Amino acid sequence: MKTGLVVALLVVALLALATGSVHIPATEIAGRLARAATGQGTGDTADQILLQVRLPRVALAIAVGAALALGGLASQTLFRNPLATPSIIGVSNGAALGAVAAMLAGIAAPLGSFAAGLAVAALVFTLGRRGTYFGQTLLLAGIAIAALCSALTTGALYLAGERLPAVIFWLMGGLWQANGRAALVMLPVALAALGVMLALARSLNVVLVGEASARDLGVNVPRLQYTLLALITVTAATAVSLTGVIGFIGLIVPHLLRLAVGGDHRRLVPATALGGALLLLMADTLARTLAAPAEIPVGILTALVGAPVFLWLLRRRRTL
């Protein structure tokens, strides 16, 4: 399964690099990349488009997709709830609110988004830590804070004025502002999340049977919970700060891959990362080509695909 996902991701990445307003033959891409890596690039229009526009966008889509999917898997494991996503503890909603507030204040949206995402996570964690049952209290606090952030974001749209189209487009999610710097920020975050979850794979398997049983088997449950919460926060806040709000990847990808490879996190974690990267890269390629030269917000496409798939998953669980 993992090999198939790797092959599919490479094929889709090649198509994404080749497809656009200027077609670059797929047979030329490897050669152009190799020459550029050795400083022998031609510098023609095709090289500039490939290296400065498409390659950073493909790299960012892969990193964001993997990070969102891993954040979703971490959320579902932390709360032992198949419906959990980073948005359920308010991180995504807080990051969206921060971006809108920053745009209205004339500040860079990514900066405001990331800062607000971290601030909301800290608030939810503080409230959740005071409860007797960490996971349940954290979940309830997150739902309340998420609702508050969504309400404030909606209210802020009334103040957007002429910036309203840009704000709404950003809230729908998209990679139109992708560049090399954004990719270099997101790639280490995604790789770190993958490494942390692989290192915790055994503990993640054990904790699914219950906190008491996990403690009896030697798992430091509080430390695991805090680690997962930190991972969810950093991946979601970073992704939203760079690409806006892109939904459903963290929800449906772990579900689908769990059906395909089983619940063992040693296989599920890498498969989830590959699946998230593949799904977002496919969606982004369609988003920029279906209505060219216009661009569809990729969040719309992920929702159009994700909602029916999720309903199918719910029906399948009900019939099992």
Foldseek 3Di string as FASTA:
>chain_A
DLVVLVVLLVVLLLVQLQDDPDGDDSVCLVVQVVCVVVVNHPPDPSSCCNAWPRVLLLLLLLLLQLLQQLLLVLQCLLLVHLQGGLQLQPLQLQLLLQLLVCVLVVHQSLVRSLVRSVVSLVVLQVQLVPDPDNSVRSRVNRNVNSVVSNVSSVVSLVVCVPCNVVSVLLQLWAQNVGGNVLSVVRNVLSVVSLVVLLVCQVLSVQCSVDDVRSVVVPDPSVVSSVVSSVSSSNSSSSSCSRIHDADQSNNVLLVVLCVVPNDRSNVSSSSSSSSSSSVSSVLNSCQPPVDPPDGHRSSVVSCVVRVVSVVVSVVVVVVD
